[in-house]
Amino acid sequence: MDKEKVTQFLDKLDIEYDLLQHPAAVTDEAIKYLDENLPSNPCKNLFLVNRQETEFYLLMMPRNKDFRTKYIKEQLGLSHLSFAKEVHMVEKLDVHPGSVSVMCLINESARDVHFILDEDVKKSQTIRFHVGDNTCSARVKLSDFLEKIIPAIGKEPISIDIPDMKE
């Protein structure tokens, strides 16, 4: 995934965004740096697949929630859901592990990937996502994300509510 492709997409939609180059967001230190320098609703994006590897899903959920397939597959009516293999991630999203982002859905190769959005993502004024890879992130207003980006991607999100096990 190319950073310029994502920024051009955002520019075309006339969306204001803050962009930050940062260390690869794989360590606690790097994530803390990102949280301090580009504060917003931190989300995790997970690339999932059914047992037959015929249906692919990109799940966007708050970073502070635990990922439990039980709750997700029940709400989707699936009997099995697991992480997709790297080969599928590269083929469908044009990224490698650690760099999955909702912005991967702008790729033509992602046209058959379902977009799942946890309702708690909508509880902030801004939202942050990787741009290209996990060394660059953008922050946008949640309203722009919901009203401009998602419609431009052309995917109606499947809304789910993952229980917060920390409450």
C-alpha atoms as a PDB file:
ATOM      1  CA  MET A   1       0.000   0.000   0.000  1.00  0.00           C
ATOM      2  CA  ASP A   2       1.336   3.336  -0.995  1.00  0.00           C
ATOM      3  CA  LYS A   3       1.187   6.366   1.328  1.00  0.00           C
ATOM      4  CA  GLU A   4       0.749   8.734  -1.622  1.00  0.00           C
ATOM      5  CA  LYS A   5      -2.257   6.751  -2.826  1.00  0.00           C
ATOM      6  CA  VAL A   6      -3.927   7.194   0.561  1.00  0.00           C
ATOM      7  CA  THR A   7      -3.112  10.905   0.902  1.00  0.00           C
ATOM      8  CA  GLN A   8      -4.327  11.546  -2.653  1.00  0.00           C
ATOM      9  CA  PHE A   9      -7.565   9.729  -1.769  1.00  0.00           C
ATOM     10  CA  LEU A  10      -8.033  11.912   1.319  1.00  0.00           C
ATOM     11  CA  ASP A  11      -7.138  15.073  -0.619  1.00  0.00           C
ATOM     12  CA  LYS A  12      -9.622  14.209  -3.373  1.00  0.00           C
ATOM     13  CA  LEU A  13     -12.344  13.966  -0.708  1.00  0.00           C
ATOM     14  CA  ASP A  14     -11.242  17.344   0.688  1.00  0.00           C
ATOM     15  CA  ILE A  15     -10.596  15.830   4.099  1.00  0.00           C
ATOM     16  CA  GLU A  16      -8.377  17.590   6.606  1.00  0.00           C
ATOM     17  CA  TYR A  17      -5.909  15.221   8.207  1.00  0.00           C
ATOM     18  CA  ASP A  18      -2.837  15.242  10.389  1.00  0.00           C
ATOM     19  CA  LEU A  19      -0.034  12.984   9.218  1.00  0.00           C
ATOM     20  CA  LEU A  20       2.774  11.630  11.386  1.00  0.00           C
ATOM     21  CA  GLN A  21       5.851   9.605  10.445  1.00  0.00           C
ATOM     22  CA  HIS A  22       6.794   7.435  13.410  1.00  0.00           C
ATOM     23  CA  PRO A  23       8.735   4.341  14.411  1.00  0.00           C
ATOM     24  CA  ALA A  24       7.051   1.105  13.326  1.00  0.00           C
ATOM     25  CA  ALA A  25       4.003   0.730  15.557  1.00  0.00           C
ATOM     26  CA  VAL A  26       4.861  -2.729  16.835  1.00  0.00           C
ATOM     27  CA  THR A  27       6.375  -1.978  20.241  1.00  0.00           C
ATOM     28  CA  ASP A  28       4.796  -0.395  23.304  1.00  0.00           C
ATOM     29  CA  GLU A  29       7.309   2.459  23.038  1.00  0.00           C
ATOM     30  CA  ALA A  30       6.368   3.212  19.422  1.00  0.00           C
ATOM     31  CA  ILE A  31       2.642   3.078  20.203  1.00  0.00           C
ATOM     32  CA  LYS A  32       3.156   5.409  23.184  1.00  0.00           C
ATOM     33  CA  TYR A  33       4.997   7.839  20.877  1.00  0.00           C
ATOM     34  CA  LEU A  34       2.104   7.691  18.431  1.00  0.00           C
ATOM     35  CA  ASP A  35      -0.491   8.193  21.189  1.00  0.00           C
ATOM     36  CA  GLU A  36       1.391  11.230  22.521  1.00  0.00           C
ATOM     37  CA  ASN A  37       2.051  12.864  19.146  1.00  0.00           C
ATOM     38  CA  LEU A  38      -1.147  12.050  17.282  1.00  0.00           C
ATOM     39  CA  PRO A  39      -3.784  11.536  19.984  1.00  0.00           C
ATOM     40  CA  SER A  40      -7.108  10.123  18.874  1.00  0.00           C
ATOM     41  CA  ASN A  41      -9.229   7.002  19.078  1.00  0.00           C
ATOM     42  CA  PRO A  42      -6.619   4.270  18.600  1.00  0.00           C
ATOM     43  CA  CYS A  43      -8.022   1.348  16.659  1.00  0.00           C
ATOM     44  CA  LYS A  44      -6.753  -2.022  15.630  1.00  0.00           C
ATOM     45  CA  ASN A  45      -7.516  -3.400  12.216  1.00  0.00           C
ATOM     46  CA  LEU A  46      -7.601  -7.164  11.824  1.00  0.00           C
ATOM     47  CA  PHE A  47      -7.787  -9.163   8.614  1.00  0.00           C
ATOM     48  CA  LEU A  48      -9.954 -12.250   9.085  1.00  0.00           C
ATOM     49  CA  VAL A  49     -11.178 -15.154   7.006  1.00  0.00           C
ATOM     50  CA  ASN A  50     -13.777 -17.925   7.154  1.00  0.00           C
ATOM     51  CA  ARG A  51     -12.792 -21.598   7.352  1.00  0.00           C
ATOM     52  CA  GLN A  52     -12.959 -22.129   3.570  1.00  0.00           C
ATOM     53  CA  GLU A  53     -10.804 -19.028   2.931  1.00  0.00           C
ATOM     54  CA  THR A  54     -13.464 -17.710   0.566  1.00  0.00           C
ATOM     55  CA  GLU A  55     -14.795 -14.756   2.581  1.00  0.00           C
ATOM     56  CA  PHE A  56     -12.475 -12.072   3.917  1.00  0.00           C
ATOM     57  CA  TYR A  57     -13.193  -9.451   6.565  1.00  0.00           C
ATOM     58  CA  LEU A  58     -11.410  -6.334   7.745  1.00  0.00           C
ATOM     59  CA  LEU A  59     -12.412  -5.623  11.343  1.00  0.00           C
ATOM     60  CA  MET A  60     -11.869  -2.179  12.849  1.00  0.00           C
ATOM     61  CA  MET A  61     -12.217  -2.071  16.617  1.00  0.00           C
ATOM     62  CA  PRO A  62     -10.893  -0.024  19.554  1.00  0.00           C
ATOM     63  CA  ARG A  63      -7.355  -0.992  20.502  1.00  0.00           C
ATOM     64  CA  ASN A  64      -8.296  -1.325  24.180  1.00  0.00           C
ATOM     65  CA  LYS A  65     -10.840  -4.088  23.522  1.00  0.00           C
ATOM     66  CA  ASP A  66      -9.911  -7.746  23.540  1.00  0.00           C
ATOM     67  CA  PHE A  67     -10.349  -9.588  20.269  1.00  0.00           C
ATOM     68  CA  ARG A  68     -12.486 -12.685  20.802  1.00  0.00           C
ATOM     69  CA  THR A  69     -13.702 -14.501  17.714  1.00  0.00           C
ATOM     70  CA  LYS A  70     -16.643 -15.982  19.625  1.00  0.00           C
ATOM     71  CA  TYR A  71     -18.501 -12.664  19.793  1.00  0.00           C
ATOM     72  CA  ILE A  72     -17.666 -11.646  16.256  1.00  0.00           C
ATOM     73  CA  LYS A  73     -18.576 -14.886  14.514  1.00  0.00           C
ATOM     74  CA  GLU A  74     -21.857 -15.069  16.467  1.00  0.00           C
ATOM     75  CA  GLN A  75     -22.866 -11.592  15.267  1.00  0.00           C
ATOM     76  CA  LEU A  76     -21.838 -12.431  11.696  1.00  0.00           C
ATOM     77  CA  GLY A  77     -23.565 -15.813  11.734  1.00  0.00           C
ATOM     78  CA  LEU A  78     -20.342 -17.699  11.007  1.00  0.00           C
ATOM     79  CA  SER A  79     -19.216 -20.999  12.443  1.00  0.00           C
ATOM     80  CA  HIS A  80     -15.510 -20.220  12.128  1.00  0.00           C
ATOM     81  CA  LEU A  81     -13.384 -17.092  11.867  1.00  0.00           C
ATOM     82  CA  SER A  82      -9.606 -16.795  12.074  1.00  0.00           C
ATOM     83  CA  PHE A  83      -6.748 -14.548  11.066  1.00  0.00           C
ATOM     84  CA  ALA A  84      -6.095 -14.559   7.331  1.00  0.00           C
ATOM     85  CA  LYS A  85      -2.751 -15.778   6.053  1.00  0.00           C
ATOM     86  CA  GLU A  86      -0.124 -13.256   5.005  1.00  0.00           C
ATOM     87  CA  VAL A  87      -0.410 -14.366   1.380  1.00  0.00           C
ATOM     88  CA  HIS A  88      -4.087 -13.308   1.379  1.00  0.00           C
ATOM     89  CA  MET A  89      -3.240 -10.059   3.146  1.00  0.00           C
ATOM     90  CA  VAL A  90      -0.739  -9.147   0.451  1.00  0.00           C
ATOM     91  CA  GLU A  91      -3.058 -10.274  -2.350  1.00  0.00           C
ATOM     92  CA  LYS A  92      -6.192  -8.521  -1.081  1.00  0.00           C
ATOM     93  CA  LEU A  93      -4.900  -5.529   0.905  1.00  0.00           C
ATOM     94  CA  ASP A  94      -1.407  -4.951  -0.525  1.00  0.00           C
ATOM     95  CA  VAL A  95       0.176  -4.867   2.957  1.00  0.00           C
ATOM     96  CA  HIS A  96       2.073  -7.151   5.312  1.00  0.00           C
ATOM     97  CA  PRO A  97       1.216  -8.023   8.929  1.00  0.00           C
ATOM     98  CA  GLY A  98       1.313  -5.019  11.247  1.00  0.00           C
ATOM     99  CA  SER A  99       0.198  -2.577   8.548  1.00  0.00           C
ATOM    100  CA  VAL A 100      -3.452  -3.496   8.016  1.00  0.00           C
ATOM    101  CA  SER A 101      -5.617  -0.391   7.869  1.00  0.00           C
ATOM    102  CA  VAL A 102      -9.119   0.538   6.828  1.00  0.00           C
ATOM    103  CA  MET A 103      -7.439   2.498   4.025  1.00  0.00           C
ATOM    104  CA  CYS A 104      -6.417  -0.813   2.424  1.00  0.00           C
ATOM    105  CA  LEU A 105     -10.029  -1.062   1.314  1.00  0.00           C
ATOM    106  CA  ILE A 106      -9.418   1.586  -1.364  1.00  0.00           C
ATOM    107  CA  ASN A 107      -7.452  -1.026  -3.322  1.00  0.00           C
ATOM    108  CA  GLU A 108      -9.300  -2.615  -6.229  1.00  0.00           C
ATOM    109  CA  SER A 109      -8.043  -6.003  -5.005  1.00  0.00           C
ATOM    110  CA  ALA A 110     -10.048  -5.487  -1.769  1.00  0.00           C
ATOM    111  CA  ARG A 111     -13.406  -5.138  -3.532  1.00  0.00           C
ATOM    112  CA  ASP A 112     -14.677  -8.435  -2.078  1.00  0.00           C
ATOM    113  CA  VAL A 113     -13.406  -7.818   1.476  1.00  0.00           C
ATOM    114  CA  HIS A 114     -16.225  -7.185   3.960  1.00  0.00           C
ATOM    115  CA  PHE A 115     -15.762  -4.263   6.338  1.00  0.00           C
ATOM    116  CA  ILE A 116     -16.753  -4.819   9.979  1.00  0.00           C
ATOM    117  CA  LEU A 117     -16.931  -1.844  12.321  1.00  0.00           C
ATOM    118  CA  ASP A 118     -17.274  -2.141  16.080  1.00  0.00           C
ATOM    119  CA  GLU A 119     -19.751   0.446  17.365  1.00  0.00           C
ATOM    120  CA  ASP A 120     -17.307   1.743  19.980  1.00  0.00           C
ATOM    121  CA  VAL A 121     -15.098   3.125  17.209  1.00  0.00           C
ATOM    122  CA  LYS A 122     -17.744   5.834  16.857  1.00  0.00           C
ATOM    123  CA  LYS A 123     -17.254   7.127  20.418  1.00  0.00           C
ATOM    124  CA  SER A 124     -14.519   9.657  19.686  1.00  0.00           C
ATOM    125  CA  GLN A 125     -14.140  12.932  17.844  1.00  0.00           C
ATOM    126  CA  THR A 126     -11.200  11.708  15.766  1.00  0.00           C
ATOM    127  CA  ILE A 127      -9.918   8.440  14.419  1.00  0.00           C
ATOM    128  CA  ARG A 128      -6.415   7.320  13.518  1.00  0.00           C
ATOM    129  CA  PHE A 129      -5.222   4.752  10.999  1.00  0.00           C
ATOM    130  CA  HIS A 130      -2.030   3.656   9.259  1.00  0.00           C
ATOM    131  CA  VAL A 131      -1.282   5.213   5.918  1.00  0.00           C
ATOM    132  CA  GLY A 132       0.582   2.800   3.667  1.00  0.00           C
ATOM    133  CA  ASP A 133       2.427   0.925   6.391  1.00  0.00           C
ATOM    134  CA  ASN A 134       2.890   1.001  10.150  1.00  0.00           C
ATOM    135  CA  THR A 135       5.414   3.874  10.084  1.00  0.00           C
ATOM    136  CA  CYS A 136       2.964   6.584   9.049  1.00  0.00           C
ATOM    137  CA  SER A 137      -0.455   7.372  10.488  1.00  0.00           C
ATOM    138  CA  ALA A 138      -3.205   9.869   9.799  1.00  0.00           C
ATOM    139  CA  ARG A 139      -5.808  11.387  12.076  1.00  0.00           C
ATOM    140  CA  VAL A 140      -9.162  12.565  10.728  1.00  0.00           C
ATOM    141  CA  LYS A 141     -12.419  13.749  12.227  1.00  0.00           C
ATOM    142  CA  LEU A 142     -14.757  10.867  12.952  1.00  0.00           C
ATOM    143  CA  SER A 143     -17.492  12.660  11.004  1.00  0.00           C
ATOM    144  CA  ASP A 144     -15.256  12.756   7.902  1.00  0.00           C
ATOM    145  CA  PHE A 145     -14.463   9.085   8.363  1.00  0.00           C
ATOM    146  CA  LEU A 146     -18.120   8.073   8.626  1.00  0.00           C
ATOM    147  CA  GLU A 147     -19.621  10.540   6.146  1.00  0.00           C
ATOM    148  CA  LYS A 148     -16.905  10.809   3.479  1.00  0.00           C
ATOM    149  CA  ILE A 149     -14.278   8.057   3.675  1.00  0.00           C
ATOM    150  CA  ILE A 150     -16.536   5.037   4.170  1.00  0.00           C
ATOM    151  CA  PRO A 151     -18.954   6.035   1.375  1.00  0.00           C
ATOM    152  CA  ALA A 152     -16.010   6.752  -0.958  1.00  0.00           C
ATOM    153  CA  ILE A 153     -14.556   3.333  -0.210  1.00  0.00           C
ATOM    154  CA  GLY A 154     -17.890   1.923  -1.320  1.00  0.00           C
ATOM    155  CA  LYS A 155     -18.374  -0.492   1.541  1.00  0.00           C
ATOM    156  CA  GLU A 156     -21.371  -0.524   3.822  1.00  0.00           C
ATOM    157  CA  PRO A 157     -19.858  -1.471   7.175  1.00  0.00           C
ATOM    158  CA  ILE A 158     -21.241  -4.416   9.062  1.00  0.00           C
ATOM    159  CA  SER A 159     -21.846  -2.990  12.536  1.00  0.00           C
ATOM    160  CA  ILE A 160     -21.105  -5.200  15.511  1.00  0.00           C
ATOM    161  CA  ASP A 161     -20.748  -4.664  19.242  1.00  0.00           C
ATOM    162  CA  ILE A 162     -17.837  -6.511  20.787  1.00  0.00           C
ATOM    163  CA  PRO A 163     -18.235  -6.730  24.568  1.00  0.00           C
ATOM    164  CA  ASP A 164     -15.585  -4.881  26.557  1.00  0.00           C
ATOM    165  CA  MET A 165     -14.228  -7.615  28.789  1.00  0.00           C
ATOM    166  CA  LYS A 166     -12.314  -5.097  30.892  1.00  0.00           C
ATOM    167  CA  GLU A 167     -15.474  -3.507  32.337  1.00  0.00           C
END
